Amino acid sequence: MSDQKNINIRNKRATFDYEIIEEWTAGIVLTGTEIKSIRLGKASLVDSYCFFQNGELWVRGVNISLYHWGSYNNHQPKRDRKLLLNAKELRKLERASQDVGLTIVALRLFINDRGLAKLVIGLARGRKSYDKRQHLKEKDAKREMERL
């Protein structure tokens, strides 16, 4: 049980490519072999994003590797997975995601104290290439200031 708390899979590319406006923590619907793979740290959030379908929030592009001992019960690694939020949060997110230039991206996948997989998602605005350079300069300057 102690190694579960160390599972913290991040989407480093998302904070570089997007300006995160707001964050939510959502539950994620998984099968048995998927949660076992996540507990082993075998997941990737690169190029993952969220979309609405029939009023439900889904995440696409999360790659959860096949479970080594999964046999015929194994899952599809890149299938769409349903996210669990309350109705108020879903309505707010759906309205916000319809604005031009805003998208919902997966930021972090972790296992909480109760052993449940949670996905931190963020409402994000895409950055232009000059914004990315400016962001890197600010980050480097901040790091230099902390050293001194």
N, C-alpha and C. Protein backbone atom coordinates (compact mmCIF):
# COMPACT_ATOMS: atom_id res chain seq x y z
N MET A 1 0.81 -1.20 0.00
CA MET A 1 0.00 0.00 0.00
C MET A 1 0.85 1.27 0.00
N SER A 2 2.04 1.23 0.57
CA SER A 2 2.84 2.44 0.70
C SER A 2 3.35 2.95 -0.64
N ASP A 3 3.59 2.03 -1.62
CA ASP A 3 4.10 2.49 -2.91
C ASP A 3 3.02 3.17 -3.75
N GLN A 4 1.74 2.96 -3.41
CA GLN A 4 0.65 3.61 -4.14
C GLN A 4 0.72 5.12 -4.01
N LYS A 5 1.08 5.60 -2.86
CA LYS A 5 1.08 7.04 -2.62
C LYS A 5 2.14 7.76 -3.45
N ASN A 6 3.12 7.02 -3.95
CA ASN A 6 4.19 7.63 -4.74
C ASN A 6 3.82 7.79 -6.20
N ILE A 7 2.67 7.23 -6.62
CA ILE A 7 2.28 7.33 -8.02
C ILE A 7 1.83 8.77 -8.31
N ASN A 8 2.56 9.43 -9.19
CA ASN A 8 2.27 10.81 -9.55
C ASN A 8 2.74 11.01 -10.98
N ILE A 9 1.88 10.71 -11.93
CA ILE A 9 2.23 10.79 -13.34
C ILE A 9 1.82 12.16 -13.85
N ARG A 10 2.79 12.93 -14.35
CA ARG A 10 2.54 14.32 -14.75
C ARG A 10 2.59 14.47 -16.27
N ASN A 11 1.88 15.47 -16.76
CA ASN A 11 1.94 15.85 -18.16
C ASN A 11 2.76 17.14 -18.23
N LYS A 12 4.07 17.00 -18.32
CA LYS A 12 4.95 18.16 -18.29
C LYS A 12 4.76 19.05 -19.51
N ARG A 13 4.39 18.44 -20.61
CA ARG A 13 4.21 19.20 -21.86
C ARG A 13 3.04 20.18 -21.75
N ALA A 14 2.02 19.81 -20.98
CA ALA A 14 0.82 20.65 -20.88
C ALA A 14 1.13 22.02 -20.29
N THR A 15 1.95 22.08 -19.25
CA THR A 15 2.25 23.37 -18.63
C THR A 15 3.14 24.23 -19.53
N PHE A 16 3.84 23.59 -20.46
CA PHE A 16 4.67 24.34 -21.41
C PHE A 16 3.82 24.86 -22.57
N ASP A 17 2.94 24.03 -23.09
CA ASP A 17 2.13 24.39 -24.26
C ASP A 17 0.91 25.23 -23.91
N TYR A 18 0.44 25.15 -22.66
CA TYR A 18 -0.80 25.82 -22.29
C TYR A 18 -0.63 26.68 -21.05
N GLU A 19 -1.44 27.70 -20.96
CA GLU A 19 -1.56 28.51 -19.76
C GLU A 19 -2.78 27.95 -19.02
N ILE A 20 -2.57 27.39 -17.83
CA ILE A 20 -3.63 26.75 -17.08
C ILE A 20 -4.43 27.82 -16.34
N ILE A 21 -5.73 27.88 -16.60
CA ILE A 21 -6.60 28.89 -16.00
C ILE A 21 -7.20 28.39 -14.69
N GLU A 22 -7.71 27.16 -14.71
CA GLU A 22 -8.36 26.59 -13.53
C GLU A 22 -8.16 25.08 -13.54
N GLU A 23 -8.12 24.48 -12.34
CA GLU A 23 -7.89 23.04 -12.23
C GLU A 23 -9.02 22.36 -11.45
N TRP A 24 -9.29 21.11 -11.81
CA TRP A 24 -10.25 20.27 -11.11
C TRP A 24 -9.64 18.89 -10.92
N THR A 25 -10.06 18.20 -9.87
CA THR A 25 -9.66 16.81 -9.66
C THR A 25 -10.87 15.94 -9.93
N ALA A 26 -10.71 15.01 -10.88
CA ALA A 26 -11.82 14.16 -11.30
C ALA A 26 -11.49 12.70 -11.05
N GLY A 27 -12.50 11.93 -10.74
CA GLY A 27 -12.34 10.48 -10.68
C GLY A 27 -12.28 9.97 -12.11
N ILE A 28 -11.75 8.78 -12.31
CA ILE A 28 -11.64 8.20 -13.64
C ILE A 28 -12.14 6.76 -13.59
N VAL A 29 -12.97 6.38 -14.56
CA VAL A 29 -13.54 5.04 -14.60
C VAL A 29 -12.53 4.12 -15.27
N LEU A 30 -12.07 3.10 -14.52
CA LEU A 30 -11.04 2.18 -15.00
C LEU A 30 -11.49 0.74 -14.86
N THR A 31 -10.84 -0.14 -15.63
CA THR A 31 -11.04 -1.58 -15.44
C THR A 31 -9.96 -2.10 -14.49
N GLY A 32 -10.05 -3.36 -14.11
CA GLY A 32 -9.12 -3.93 -13.14
C GLY A 32 -7.67 -3.91 -13.57
N THR A 33 -7.41 -4.25 -14.84
CA THR A 33 -6.01 -4.28 -15.29
C THR A 33 -5.45 -2.87 -15.46
N GLU A 34 -6.32 -1.88 -15.70
CA GLU A 34 -5.84 -0.50 -15.85
C GLU A 34 -5.33 0.04 -14.52
N ILE A 35 -6.06 -0.17 -13.45
CA ILE A 35 -5.62 0.35 -12.15
C ILE A 35 -4.34 -0.35 -11.70
N LYS A 36 -4.20 -1.63 -12.03
CA LYS A 36 -2.97 -2.35 -11.68
C LYS A 36 -1.77 -1.78 -12.43
N SER A 37 -1.95 -1.43 -13.71
CA SER A 37 -0.86 -0.82 -14.48
C SER A 37 -0.50 0.56 -13.93
N ILE A 38 -1.51 1.32 -13.52
CA ILE A 38 -1.24 2.66 -12.96
C ILE A 38 -0.47 2.52 -11.66
N ARG A 39 -0.83 1.56 -10.83
CA ARG A 39 -0.11 1.35 -9.57
C ARG A 39 1.34 0.98 -9.80
N LEU A 40 1.64 0.40 -10.97
CA LEU A 40 3.04 0.11 -11.34
C LEU A 40 3.70 1.30 -12.00
N GLY A 41 2.96 2.40 -12.21
CA GLY A 41 3.51 3.61 -12.83
C GLY A 41 3.58 3.54 -14.33
N LYS A 42 2.82 2.66 -14.97
CA LYS A 42 2.89 2.44 -16.42
C LYS A 42 1.80 3.21 -17.14
N ALA A 43 1.84 4.52 -17.07
CA ALA A 43 0.86 5.35 -17.77
C ALA A 43 1.53 6.62 -18.28
N SER A 44 0.93 7.20 -19.31
CA SER A 44 1.47 8.43 -19.90
C SER A 44 0.32 9.36 -20.26
N LEU A 45 0.49 10.65 -19.99
CA LEU A 45 -0.54 11.64 -20.26
C LEU A 45 -0.21 12.53 -21.45
N VAL A 46 0.84 12.20 -22.20
CA VAL A 46 1.26 13.02 -23.32
C VAL A 46 0.15 13.07 -24.37
N ASP A 47 -0.17 14.25 -24.88
CA ASP A 47 -1.20 14.47 -25.90
C ASP A 47 -2.60 14.07 -25.45
N SER A 48 -2.87 14.11 -24.17
CA SER A 48 -4.22 13.76 -23.72
C SER A 48 -5.05 15.03 -23.54
N TYR A 49 -6.33 14.91 -23.84
CA TYR A 49 -7.25 16.04 -23.71
C TYR A 49 -8.63 15.49 -23.37
N CYS A 50 -9.51 16.39 -22.94
CA CYS A 50 -10.86 16.00 -22.53
C CYS A 50 -11.88 16.59 -23.48
N PHE A 51 -13.00 15.88 -23.63
CA PHE A 51 -14.08 16.35 -24.48
C PHE A 51 -15.42 15.92 -23.88
N PHE A 52 -16.47 16.62 -24.30
CA PHE A 52 -17.82 16.31 -23.82
C PHE A 52 -18.56 15.50 -24.87
N GLN A 53 -19.28 14.47 -24.40
CA GLN A 53 -20.10 13.66 -25.28
C GLN A 53 -21.36 13.29 -24.51
N ASN A 54 -22.51 13.72 -24.99
CA ASN A 54 -23.80 13.47 -24.33
C ASN A 54 -23.81 13.97 -22.89
N GLY A 55 -23.20 15.13 -22.64
CA GLY A 55 -23.19 15.71 -21.31
C GLY A 55 -22.22 15.06 -20.33
N GLU A 56 -21.42 14.12 -20.80
CA GLU A 56 -20.42 13.45 -19.95
C GLU A 56 -19.03 13.87 -20.40
N LEU A 57 -18.10 13.92 -19.45
CA LEU A 57 -16.73 14.31 -19.76
C LEU A 57 -15.88 13.06 -19.95
N TRP A 58 -15.15 13.01 -21.07
CA TRP A 58 -14.30 11.87 -21.41
C TRP A 58 -12.88 12.38 -21.63
N VAL A 59 -11.91 11.52 -21.37
CA VAL A 59 -10.51 11.85 -21.63
C VAL A 59 -10.01 10.93 -22.74
N ARG A 60 -9.29 11.52 -23.69
CA ARG A 60 -8.74 10.76 -24.82
C ARG A 60 -7.23 10.96 -24.85
N GLY A 61 -6.51 9.90 -25.16
CA GLY A 61 -5.07 10.00 -25.32
C GLY A 61 -4.26 9.58 -24.11
N VAL A 62 -4.92 9.16 -23.02
CA VAL A 62 -4.18 8.64 -21.87
C VAL A 62 -3.75 7.23 -22.22
N ASN A 63 -2.45 6.99 -22.18
CA ASN A 63 -1.92 5.68 -22.53
C ASN A 63 -1.59 4.91 -21.26
N ILE A 64 -2.39 3.90 -20.96
CA ILE A 64 -2.11 3.02 -19.82
C ILE A 64 -1.64 1.71 -20.40
N SER A 65 -0.37 1.36 -20.16
CA SER A 65 0.23 0.17 -20.75
C SER A 65 -0.51 -1.09 -20.33
N LEU A 66 -0.39 -2.12 -21.17
CA LEU A 66 -1.01 -3.40 -20.85
C LEU A 66 -0.41 -3.96 -19.57
N TYR A 67 -1.25 -4.60 -18.78
CA TYR A 67 -0.81 -5.23 -17.53
C TYR A 67 -0.14 -6.56 -17.89
N HIS A 68 1.06 -6.77 -17.38
CA HIS A 68 1.87 -7.93 -17.76
C HIS A 68 1.15 -9.25 -17.50
N TRP A 69 0.42 -9.36 -16.40
CA TRP A 69 -0.25 -10.61 -16.06
C TRP A 69 -1.75 -10.56 -16.40
N GLY A 70 -2.13 -9.74 -17.36
CA GLY A 70 -3.55 -9.50 -17.64
C GLY A 70 -4.27 -10.56 -18.43
N SER A 71 -3.58 -11.43 -19.16
CA SER A 71 -4.15 -12.48 -20.01
C SER A 71 -5.23 -11.92 -20.94
N TYR A 72 -6.32 -12.64 -21.12
CA TYR A 72 -7.36 -12.20 -22.04
C TYR A 72 -8.21 -11.06 -21.47
N ASN A 73 -8.07 -10.78 -20.19
CA ASN A 73 -8.82 -9.70 -19.55
C ASN A 73 -8.19 -8.33 -19.75
N ASN A 74 -7.08 -8.24 -20.45
CA ASN A 74 -6.37 -6.97 -20.59
C ASN A 74 -7.21 -5.92 -21.30
N HIS A 75 -6.88 -4.66 -21.07
CA HIS A 75 -7.60 -3.52 -21.60
C HIS A 75 -6.94 -3.00 -22.88
N GLN A 76 -7.62 -2.08 -23.57
CA GLN A 76 -7.03 -1.37 -24.70
C GLN A 76 -6.24 -0.19 -24.13
N PRO A 77 -4.96 -0.04 -24.47
CA PRO A 77 -4.12 0.98 -23.84
C PRO A 77 -4.58 2.42 -24.05
N LYS A 78 -5.13 2.77 -25.20
CA LYS A 78 -5.45 4.18 -25.48
C LYS A 78 -6.95 4.44 -25.62
N ARG A 79 -7.78 3.67 -24.95
CA ARG A 79 -9.23 3.86 -25.09
C ARG A 79 -9.67 5.16 -24.38
N ASP A 80 -10.84 5.66 -24.78
CA ASP A 80 -11.41 6.83 -24.10
C ASP A 80 -11.94 6.39 -22.74
N ARG A 81 -11.73 7.23 -21.73
CA ARG A 81 -12.16 6.89 -20.36
C ARG A 81 -13.03 8.00 -19.81
N LYS A 82 -14.09 7.60 -19.12
CA LYS A 82 -15.04 8.56 -18.56
C LYS A 82 -14.47 9.18 -17.30
N LEU A 83 -14.70 10.49 -17.14
CA LEU A 83 -14.27 11.20 -15.94
C LEU A 83 -15.49 11.50 -15.08
N LEU A 84 -15.28 11.50 -13.77
CA LEU A 84 -16.37 11.69 -12.82
C LEU A 84 -16.22 13.02 -12.09
N LEU A 85 -17.14 13.93 -12.33
CA LEU A 85 -17.24 15.21 -11.63
C LEU A 85 -18.70 15.41 -11.26
N ASN A 86 -18.97 16.30 -10.31
CA ASN A 86 -20.38 16.54 -10.00
C ASN A 86 -21.00 17.42 -11.09
N ALA A 87 -22.33 17.46 -11.12
CA ALA A 87 -23.07 18.11 -12.21
C ALA A 87 -22.74 19.59 -12.34
N LYS A 88 -22.56 20.27 -11.23
CA LYS A 88 -22.25 21.71 -11.26
C LYS A 88 -20.91 21.95 -11.93
N GLU A 89 -19.91 21.13 -11.58
CA GLU A 89 -18.58 21.27 -12.19
C GLU A 89 -18.64 20.95 -13.68
N LEU A 90 -19.41 19.92 -14.05
CA LEU A 90 -19.52 19.56 -15.46
C LEU A 90 -20.15 20.68 -16.27
N ARG A 91 -21.21 21.30 -15.76
CA ARG A 91 -21.85 22.41 -16.48
C ARG A 91 -20.89 23.58 -16.66
N LYS A 92 -20.16 23.91 -15.60
CA LYS A 92 -19.21 25.03 -15.66
C LYS A 92 -18.11 24.74 -16.69
N LEU A 93 -17.59 23.53 -16.67
CA LEU A 93 -16.53 23.14 -17.61
C LEU A 93 -17.03 23.14 -19.05
N GLU A 94 -18.24 22.63 -19.25
CA GLU A 94 -18.78 22.55 -20.61
C GLU A 94 -18.97 23.95 -21.19
N ARG A 95 -19.51 24.88 -20.38
CA ARG A 95 -19.66 26.26 -20.84
C ARG A 95 -18.31 26.89 -21.17
N ALA A 96 -17.33 26.68 -20.28
CA ALA A 96 -16.01 27.30 -20.47
C ALA A 96 -15.29 26.71 -21.68
N SER A 97 -15.45 25.42 -21.92
CA SER A 97 -14.71 24.78 -23.02
C SER A 97 -15.26 25.17 -24.39
N GLN A 98 -16.48 25.75 -24.42
CA GLN A 98 -17.05 26.18 -25.70
C GLN A 98 -16.47 27.51 -26.16
N ASP A 99 -15.79 28.23 -25.27
CA ASP A 99 -15.14 29.48 -25.67
C ASP A 99 -14.00 29.19 -26.64
N VAL A 100 -13.80 30.10 -27.57
CA VAL A 100 -12.75 29.93 -28.57
C VAL A 100 -11.38 29.99 -27.90
N GLY A 101 -10.51 29.05 -28.22
CA GLY A 101 -9.14 29.06 -27.71
C GLY A 101 -8.95 28.34 -26.39
N LEU A 102 -10.02 27.83 -25.79
CA LEU A 102 -9.90 27.11 -24.53
C LEU A 102 -10.09 25.62 -24.75
N THR A 103 -9.33 24.83 -24.02
CA THR A 103 -9.44 23.38 -24.09
C THR A 103 -9.25 22.82 -22.69
N ILE A 104 -9.56 21.56 -22.53
CA ILE A 104 -9.39 20.88 -21.24
C ILE A 104 -8.30 19.83 -21.42
N VAL A 105 -7.24 19.92 -20.63
CA VAL A 105 -6.12 18.99 -20.75
C VAL A 105 -5.91 18.24 -19.44
N ALA A 106 -5.39 17.02 -19.56
CA ALA A 106 -5.04 16.22 -18.38
C ALA A 106 -3.67 16.68 -17.90
N LEU A 107 -3.55 16.97 -16.60
CA LEU A 107 -2.31 17.49 -16.04
C LEU A 107 -1.56 16.46 -15.21
N ARG A 108 -2.30 15.69 -14.39
CA ARG A 108 -1.63 14.80 -13.45
C ARG A 108 -2.55 13.63 -13.12
N LEU A 109 -1.98 12.45 -13.03
CA LEU A 109 -2.70 11.23 -12.65
C LEU A 109 -2.06 10.72 -11.37
N PHE A 110 -2.88 10.51 -10.33
CA PHE A 110 -2.33 10.05 -9.06
C PHE A 110 -3.31 9.11 -8.38
N ILE A 111 -2.85 8.45 -7.34
CA ILE A 111 -3.70 7.58 -6.54
C ILE A 111 -3.84 8.23 -5.17
N ASN A 112 -5.10 8.44 -4.75
CA ASN A 112 -5.34 9.15 -3.48
C ASN A 112 -5.17 8.21 -2.28
N ASP A 113 -5.44 8.74 -1.09
CA ASP A 113 -5.25 7.98 0.15
C ASP A 113 -6.11 6.73 0.23
N ARG A 114 -7.27 6.76 -0.42
CA ARG A 114 -8.18 5.61 -0.39
C ARG A 114 -7.87 4.59 -1.47
N GLY A 115 -6.83 4.84 -2.27
CA GLY A 115 -6.44 3.89 -3.31
C GLY A 115 -7.17 4.08 -4.62
N LEU A 116 -7.83 5.23 -4.80
CA LEU A 116 -8.56 5.50 -6.03
C LEU A 116 -7.73 6.35 -6.97
N ALA A 117 -7.83 6.07 -8.26
CA ALA A 117 -7.10 6.85 -9.26
C ALA A 117 -7.85 8.15 -9.51
N LYS A 118 -7.13 9.25 -9.52
CA LYS A 118 -7.70 10.58 -9.76
C LYS A 118 -6.90 11.25 -10.86
N LEU A 119 -7.60 12.06 -11.66
CA LEU A 119 -6.97 12.78 -12.75
C LEU A 119 -7.20 14.27 -12.53
N VAL A 120 -6.12 15.04 -12.47
CA VAL A 120 -6.23 16.49 -12.35
C VAL A 120 -6.31 17.03 -13.77
N ILE A 121 -7.41 17.74 -14.06
CA ILE A 121 -7.59 18.33 -15.38
C ILE A 121 -7.57 19.84 -15.24
N GLY A 122 -7.23 20.50 -16.32
CA GLY A 122 -7.16 21.95 -16.27
C GLY A 122 -7.79 22.59 -17.50
N LEU A 123 -8.50 23.68 -17.27
CA LEU A 123 -9.00 24.49 -18.36
C LEU A 123 -7.81 25.33 -18.83
N ALA A 124 -7.49 25.23 -20.11
CA ALA A 124 -6.23 25.82 -20.59
C ALA A 124 -6.42 26.63 -21.86
N ARG A 125 -5.54 27.62 -22.00
CA ARG A 125 -5.48 28.43 -23.22
C ARG A 125 -4.12 28.17 -23.85
N GLY A 126 -4.10 27.89 -25.13
CA GLY A 126 -2.85 27.60 -25.83
C GLY A 126 -1.91 28.78 -25.85
N ARG A 127 -0.62 28.49 -25.77
CA ARG A 127 0.40 29.55 -25.83
C ARG A 127 1.00 29.62 -27.22
N LYS A 128 1.32 30.81 -27.64
CA LYS A 128 2.06 31.00 -28.89
C LYS A 128 3.54 30.74 -28.62
N SER A 129 4.33 30.59 -29.67
CA SER A 129 5.74 30.26 -29.49
C SER A 129 6.49 31.36 -28.73
N TYR A 130 6.15 32.63 -28.97
CA TYR A 130 6.83 33.71 -28.24
C TYR A 130 6.41 33.72 -26.77
N ASP A 131 5.17 33.29 -26.46
CA ASP A 131 4.74 33.16 -25.07
C ASP A 131 5.55 32.09 -24.36
N LYS A 132 5.84 30.99 -25.07
CA LYS A 132 6.60 29.89 -24.48
C LYS A 132 8.01 30.35 -24.13
N ARG A 133 8.62 31.12 -25.04
CA ARG A 133 9.98 31.63 -24.78
C ARG A 133 9.97 32.56 -23.58
N GLN A 134 8.96 33.44 -23.51
CA GLN A 134 8.85 34.37 -22.39
C GLN A 134 8.66 33.61 -21.08
N HIS A 135 7.83 32.56 -21.11
CA HIS A 135 7.58 31.75 -19.92
C HIS A 135 8.87 31.08 -19.44
N LEU A 136 9.68 30.57 -20.38
CA LEU A 136 10.96 29.95 -20.00
C LEU A 136 11.91 30.97 -19.38
N LYS A 137 11.95 32.20 -19.92
CA LYS A 137 12.80 33.24 -19.37
C LYS A 137 12.39 33.58 -17.94
N GLU A 138 11.08 33.71 -17.72
CA GLU A 138 10.58 34.02 -16.37
C GLU A 138 10.91 32.89 -15.39
N LYS A 139 10.77 31.66 -15.85
CA LYS A 139 11.06 30.52 -15.00
C LYS A 139 12.54 30.47 -14.62
N ASP A 140 13.42 30.73 -15.59
CA ASP A 140 14.85 30.75 -15.32
C ASP A 140 15.22 31.88 -14.37
N ALA A 141 14.62 33.05 -14.56
CA ALA A 141 14.90 34.18 -13.68
C ALA A 141 14.44 33.88 -12.26
N LYS A 142 13.29 33.26 -12.13
CA LYS A 142 12.78 32.90 -10.81
C LYS A 142 13.72 31.90 -10.11
N ARG A 143 14.20 30.95 -10.86
CA ARG A 143 15.13 29.94 -10.33
C ARG A 143 16.43 30.59 -9.87
N GLU A 144 16.93 31.54 -10.64
CA GLU A 144 18.16 32.27 -10.28
C GLU A 144 17.95 33.06 -8.99
N MET A 145 16.79 33.70 -8.84
CA MET A 145 16.50 34.49 -7.66
C MET A 145 16.44 33.60 -6.41
N GLU A 146 15.90 32.39 -6.57
CA GLU A 146 15.79 31.48 -5.42
C GLU A 146 17.18 30.97 -5.01
N ARG A 147 18.11 30.86 -5.97
CA ARG A 147 19.46 30.41 -5.65
C ARG A 147 20.21 31.43 -4.81
N LEU A 148 19.96 32.71 -5.08
CA LEU A 148 20.71 33.78 -4.40
C LEU A 148 20.19 34.08 -3.06
